[in-house]
Amino acid sequence: RLIAGQHMHSAAEPTTPQPSGAHTREEIDFRVGPFTLSARVTLGDDTLLFDDGSLTGEPFDDTGLHRVWPASVALCHSLVARPEAVAGRRVLELGAGTGLPSLLCARHLCAAHVIATDSNRAAVERLQAAAIDAAALLDFEDAEAVAGLVCAERVETVLLSDVFYPAKDAAPLLALLRRLLVLDPAPTILLSVSRRDVRACDAFERSLLSLPGTATLLTAAGAAEEGTRYTDPLYGDVAVRIHRLEGEPTGATTAGGRGGGCEGCGC
């Protein structure tokens, strides 16, 4: 599918100019609370390419190379308001794209260790050049691979933003969340969702309530209950909601983090 978009403007406005014309790599600064974060994106003809495999037989997605999406910005604001979610903890971001939340956690919120992952090789190469502890090629729809990484790296907090698309089957994402929540110990999951299609998002959020453990809707300080609103490059004005998912506590962890292994992933 070929989708034409436009440059995004959100509550965290870029502070550097955005050139037009031929594709160029540019650092764009975002102000998030008291912090300034720089995201490297490819600017050019405002075209986004992705294919779920139906056209080429091989899925690919370069949307994370060209945009900092609104749910990522909203998640950053939420983390600044609640730094205890990542401070001193081992953090994994899935589908990171430009990795704005990972950069925030690594540089400003005192995370113990940060791993940023994406299924796009070029996005991972950019993340590897950033001030993040580690970056890796990983498709978050491979639930077993993600669970194995969570156990091996003793991940305590998992971040996901803008990984739910109304037109796409939500089953792989829900399967991933269910898989992580039954680990022992299970990581805390922070999921930031742009409500582009309200009916589809309502159905998805009802599905979250059927997962193991507890699901809590978070709102930024002063935000309306329906979520902080941002300008999406494809859908215009959208609300963003952030969900905290936590598994049932079934085992003990050692002081300072997860234990040496976990049940449910075979590590």
Protein backbone atom coordinates (compact mmCIF):
# COMPACT_ATOMS: atom_id res chain seq x y z
CA ARG A 1 0.00 0.00 0.00
CA LEU A 2 1.20 3.49 -0.80
CA ILE A 3 0.00 6.13 1.61
CA ALA A 4 0.50 9.86 1.21
CA GLY A 5 0.89 11.76 4.46
CA GLN A 6 1.99 15.15 5.66
CA HIS A 7 4.43 16.44 8.25
CA MET A 8 3.14 15.99 11.79
CA HIS A 9 2.63 18.83 14.24
CA SER A 10 1.79 17.91 17.83
CA ALA A 11 1.93 19.16 21.37
CA ALA A 12 5.69 18.59 21.13
CA GLU A 13 6.47 20.83 18.18
CA PRO A 14 9.71 20.46 16.21
CA THR A 15 12.02 23.37 16.96
CA THR A 16 14.11 23.03 13.79
CA PRO A 17 12.92 23.75 10.24
CA GLN A 18 11.79 20.89 8.03
CA PRO A 19 13.27 21.06 4.51
CA SER A 20 11.34 19.95 1.46
CA GLY A 21 12.37 18.41 -1.83
CA ALA A 22 14.70 15.44 -2.14
CA HIS A 23 14.96 12.94 0.73
CA THR A 24 17.31 14.18 3.44
CA ARG A 25 18.12 12.95 6.93
CA GLU A 26 17.45 15.55 9.54
CA GLU A 27 17.59 15.84 13.31
CA ILE A 28 14.32 17.26 14.64
CA ASP A 29 14.13 18.48 18.22
CA PHE A 30 11.09 17.79 20.40
CA ARG A 31 10.43 19.48 23.72
CA VAL A 32 8.99 17.00 26.25
CA GLY A 33 8.54 18.52 29.68
CA PRO A 34 11.90 20.02 30.70
CA PHE A 35 13.81 17.87 28.19
CA THR A 36 14.75 18.30 24.53
CA LEU A 37 14.98 15.13 22.45
CA SER A 38 16.38 14.84 18.92
CA ALA A 39 14.86 12.34 16.51
CA ARG A 40 16.53 11.48 13.21
CA VAL A 41 13.98 11.22 10.40
CA THR A 42 14.06 11.14 6.61
CA LEU A 43 12.34 14.18 5.15
CA GLY A 44 11.27 14.52 1.56
CA ASP A 45 8.18 14.08 -0.57
CA ASP A 46 5.79 13.18 2.27
CA THR A 47 5.32 9.60 1.07
CA LEU A 48 5.06 6.65 3.45
CA LEU A 49 5.54 3.08 2.25
CA PHE A 50 4.47 -0.12 3.92
CA ASP A 51 3.21 -3.50 2.81
CA ASP A 52 1.71 -6.22 4.97
CA GLY A 53 2.98 -8.77 2.45
CA SER A 54 -0.07 -8.83 0.19
CA LEU A 55 1.68 -6.86 -2.59
CA THR A 56 5.27 -8.04 -2.57
CA GLY A 57 5.03 -11.22 -0.53
CA GLU A 58 7.50 -9.73 1.94
CA PRO A 59 6.19 -7.33 4.59
CA PHE A 60 8.07 -4.09 5.09
CA ASP A 61 7.37 -0.84 6.88
CA ASP A 62 9.37 2.40 6.64
CA THR A 63 6.86 4.59 8.48
CA GLY A 64 9.21 4.74 11.48
CA LEU A 65 11.89 6.36 9.33
CA HIS A 66 9.81 9.36 8.28
CA ARG A 67 7.68 10.39 11.25
CA VAL A 68 7.62 10.75 15.00
CA TRP A 69 4.07 9.54 15.52
CA PRO A 70 1.70 11.16 18.05
CA ALA A 71 1.38 8.14 20.35
CA SER A 72 5.16 8.15 20.78
CA VAL A 73 5.14 11.81 21.81
CA ALA A 74 2.22 11.19 24.18
CA LEU A 75 4.04 8.26 25.78
CA CYS A 76 7.05 10.51 26.38
CA HIS A 77 4.87 13.06 28.19
CA SER A 78 3.37 10.28 30.31
CA LEU A 79 6.82 8.94 31.22
CA VAL A 80 7.97 12.41 32.28
CA ALA A 81 4.88 12.66 34.50
CA ARG A 82 5.49 9.13 35.92
CA PRO A 83 9.26 8.51 35.79
CA GLU A 84 9.00 5.71 38.35
CA ALA A 85 7.74 3.50 35.51
CA VAL A 86 11.27 3.37 34.09
CA ALA A 87 13.71 4.87 36.61
CA GLY A 88 16.18 2.21 37.73
CA ARG A 89 14.43 -0.39 35.57
CA ARG A 90 15.40 -2.43 32.52
CA VAL A 91 13.33 -1.14 29.60
CA LEU A 92 12.46 -2.60 26.20
CA GLU A 93 10.76 -0.61 23.43
CA LEU A 94 9.05 -2.59 20.66
CA GLY A 95 8.36 -1.11 17.23
CA ALA A 96 10.51 1.84 18.27
CA GLY A 97 10.85 3.64 14.92
CA THR A 98 12.74 6.82 15.77
CA GLY A 99 12.95 5.63 19.38
CA LEU A 100 11.88 8.84 21.09
CA PRO A 101 10.69 7.08 24.30
CA SER A 102 13.90 5.01 24.41
CA LEU A 103 16.01 8.13 24.09
CA LEU A 104 14.04 9.80 26.88
CA CYS A 105 14.47 6.82 29.20
CA ALA A 106 18.17 6.43 28.48
CA ARG A 107 19.19 10.08 28.61
CA HIS A 108 16.87 11.70 31.14
CA LEU A 109 14.76 9.25 33.19
CA CYS A 110 17.56 7.14 34.71
CA ALA A 111 16.54 3.78 33.26
CA ALA A 112 19.00 1.07 34.26
CA HIS A 113 19.22 -0.36 30.74
CA VAL A 114 17.33 0.45 27.51
CA ILE A 115 16.86 -1.80 24.47
CA ALA A 116 15.13 -0.34 21.40
CA THR A 117 13.86 -2.74 18.72
CA ASP A 118 12.18 -2.46 15.34
CA SER A 119 11.48 -4.73 12.38
CA ASN A 120 12.99 -2.20 9.95
CA ARG A 121 16.75 -2.65 9.52
CA ALA A 122 17.39 1.01 8.63
CA ALA A 123 15.49 2.13 11.75
CA VAL A 124 17.62 -0.19 13.89
CA GLU A 125 20.82 1.17 12.37
CA ARG A 126 19.75 4.68 13.36
CA LEU A 127 18.89 3.52 16.86
CA GLN A 128 22.30 1.87 17.18
CA ALA A 129 23.90 5.26 16.47
CA ALA A 130 21.84 6.93 19.21
CA ALA A 131 22.62 7.12 22.91
CA ILE A 132 20.72 3.92 23.74
CA ASP A 133 22.26 0.92 25.49
CA ALA A 134 21.26 -1.54 22.77
CA ALA A 135 19.21 -1.76 19.57
CA ALA A 136 18.12 -4.91 17.78
CA LEU A 137 16.14 -6.14 14.79
CA LEU A 138 12.94 -7.69 16.13
CA ASP A 139 9.37 -8.07 14.89
CA PHE A 140 7.06 -7.55 17.87
CA GLU A 141 4.50 -9.89 16.27
CA ASP A 142 6.91 -12.77 17.02
CA ALA A 143 5.62 -13.25 20.54
CA GLU A 144 7.99 -16.09 21.41
CA ALA A 145 11.07 -14.13 20.32
CA VAL A 146 9.93 -11.12 22.34
CA ALA A 147 9.20 -13.24 25.42
CA GLY A 148 12.64 -14.82 25.12
CA LEU A 149 14.30 -11.39 24.96
CA VAL A 150 12.30 -10.15 27.96
CA CYS A 151 13.47 -13.13 30.01
CA ALA A 152 17.08 -13.09 28.80
CA GLU A 153 17.49 -9.35 29.40
CA ARG A 154 15.42 -9.33 32.62
CA VAL A 155 13.18 -6.61 31.18
CA GLU A 156 10.92 -4.93 33.72
CA THR A 157 9.08 -2.37 31.56
CA VAL A 158 7.96 -2.79 27.94
CA LEU A 159 7.02 0.27 25.86
CA LEU A 160 4.84 0.23 22.74
CA SER A 161 3.44 3.24 20.88
CA ASP A 162 1.39 3.46 17.69
CA VAL A 163 1.55 -0.28 17.09
CA PHE A 164 -2.24 -0.68 16.81
CA TYR A 165 -3.71 0.19 13.42
CA PRO A 166 -7.52 0.00 12.99
CA ALA A 167 -7.27 -1.51 9.48
CA LYS A 168 -4.87 -4.25 10.61
CA ASP A 169 -5.64 -7.46 12.45
CA ALA A 170 -5.10 -6.79 16.15
CA ALA A 171 -4.78 -10.50 16.99
CA PRO A 172 -0.94 -10.66 16.82
CA LEU A 173 -0.61 -7.66 19.15
CA LEU A 174 -3.10 -9.10 21.63
CA ALA A 175 -1.31 -12.46 21.46
CA LEU A 176 1.98 -10.72 22.26
CA LEU A 177 0.49 -8.86 25.23
CA ARG A 178 -1.07 -12.06 26.56
CA ARG A 179 2.24 -13.89 26.17
CA LEU A 180 4.16 -11.26 28.13
CA LEU A 181 1.56 -10.99 30.89
CA VAL A 182 1.77 -14.70 31.75
CA LEU A 183 5.54 -14.60 32.24
CA ASP A 184 6.68 -14.98 35.83
CA PRO A 185 7.59 -12.30 36.66
CA ALA A 186 5.69 -10.34 34.03
CA PRO A 187 6.95 -6.94 32.87
CA THR A 188 4.87 -3.80 33.21
CA ILE A 189 3.61 -2.85 29.74
CA LEU A 190 2.90 0.74 28.72
CA LEU A 191 0.87 0.84 25.50
CA SER A 192 0.16 4.19 23.78
CA VAL A 193 -2.70 4.09 21.24
CA SER A 194 -3.80 6.76 18.75
CA ARG A 195 -7.58 6.60 18.51
CA ARG A 196 -7.80 7.08 14.75
CA ASP A 197 -10.86 4.86 14.38
CA VAL A 198 -12.90 5.22 17.57
CA ARG A 199 -15.06 2.13 17.03
CA ALA A 200 -12.07 -0.10 16.29
CA CYS A 201 -10.15 1.33 19.25
CA ASP A 202 -13.10 0.75 21.58
CA ALA A 203 -13.20 -2.90 20.51
CA PHE A 204 -9.44 -3.19 20.99
CA GLU A 205 -9.61 -1.66 24.46
CA ARG A 206 -12.37 -4.10 25.45
CA SER A 207 -10.02 -6.89 24.39
CA LEU A 208 -7.35 -5.49 26.72
CA LEU A 209 -9.70 -6.06 29.65
CA SER A 210 -9.82 -9.79 28.82
CA LEU A 211 -6.04 -10.18 29.15
CA PRO A 212 -4.44 -11.68 32.28
CA GLY A 213 -3.67 -9.25 35.10
CA THR A 214 -4.90 -5.68 35.21
CA ALA A 215 -5.32 -2.93 32.61
CA THR A 216 -5.32 0.70 33.75
CA LEU A 217 -6.04 3.76 31.60
CA LEU A 218 -3.52 6.53 32.25
CA THR A 219 -4.09 10.18 31.41
CA ALA A 220 -1.54 12.95 31.38
CA ALA A 221 -1.83 15.63 34.05
CA GLY A 222 -4.67 17.95 33.10
CA ALA A 223 -5.73 15.83 30.11
CA ALA A 224 -9.35 15.09 29.32
CA GLU A 225 -10.56 11.55 30.03
CA GLU A 226 -10.73 10.71 26.33
CA GLY A 227 -6.99 11.27 26.03
CA THR A 228 -4.59 14.00 25.04
CA ARG A 229 -5.22 15.17 21.46
CA TYR A 230 -2.54 15.38 18.78
CA THR A 231 -2.40 15.99 15.04
CA ASP A 232 -1.84 12.75 13.16
CA PRO A 233 -0.19 13.08 9.71
CA LEU A 234 -2.78 10.80 8.11
CA TYR A 235 -5.94 11.23 10.19
CA GLY A 236 -5.78 14.80 11.50
CA ASP A 237 -6.90 15.47 15.07
CA VAL A 238 -6.80 12.30 17.19
CA ALA A 239 -6.89 11.42 20.87
CA VAL A 240 -4.14 9.29 22.37
CA ARG A 241 -4.73 6.91 25.25
CA ILE A 242 -2.05 5.19 27.30
CA HIS A 243 -2.73 1.84 28.96
CA ARG A 244 -0.70 0.22 31.72
CA LEU A 245 -0.89 -3.57 31.69
CA GLU A 246 0.42 -5.66 34.58
CA GLY A 247 0.38 -9.40 35.08
CA GLU A 248 -0.74 -11.11 38.25
CA PRO A 249 2.14 -11.25 40.77
CA THR A 250 2.90 -14.97 41.08
CA GLY A 251 6.59 -15.07 42.00
CA ALA A 252 9.25 -13.17 43.89
CA THR A 253 12.06 -11.14 42.33
CA THR A 254 15.47 -10.49 43.71
CA ALA A 255 16.34 -7.08 45.09
CA GLY A 256 17.14 -4.61 42.34
CA GLY A 257 15.26 -6.34 39.53
CA ARG A 258 13.95 -9.58 38.07
CA GLY A 259 15.26 -12.91 39.20
CA GLY A 260 17.76 -14.98 37.31
CA GLY A 261 15.12 -16.66 35.13
CA CYS A 262 11.42 -16.76 34.54
CA GLU A 263 8.71 -19.33 34.03
CA GLY A 264 6.72 -19.43 30.84
CA CYS A 265 9.40 -18.68 28.24
CA GLY A 266 11.82 -21.59 28.58
CA CYS A 267 14.85 -19.44 29.33
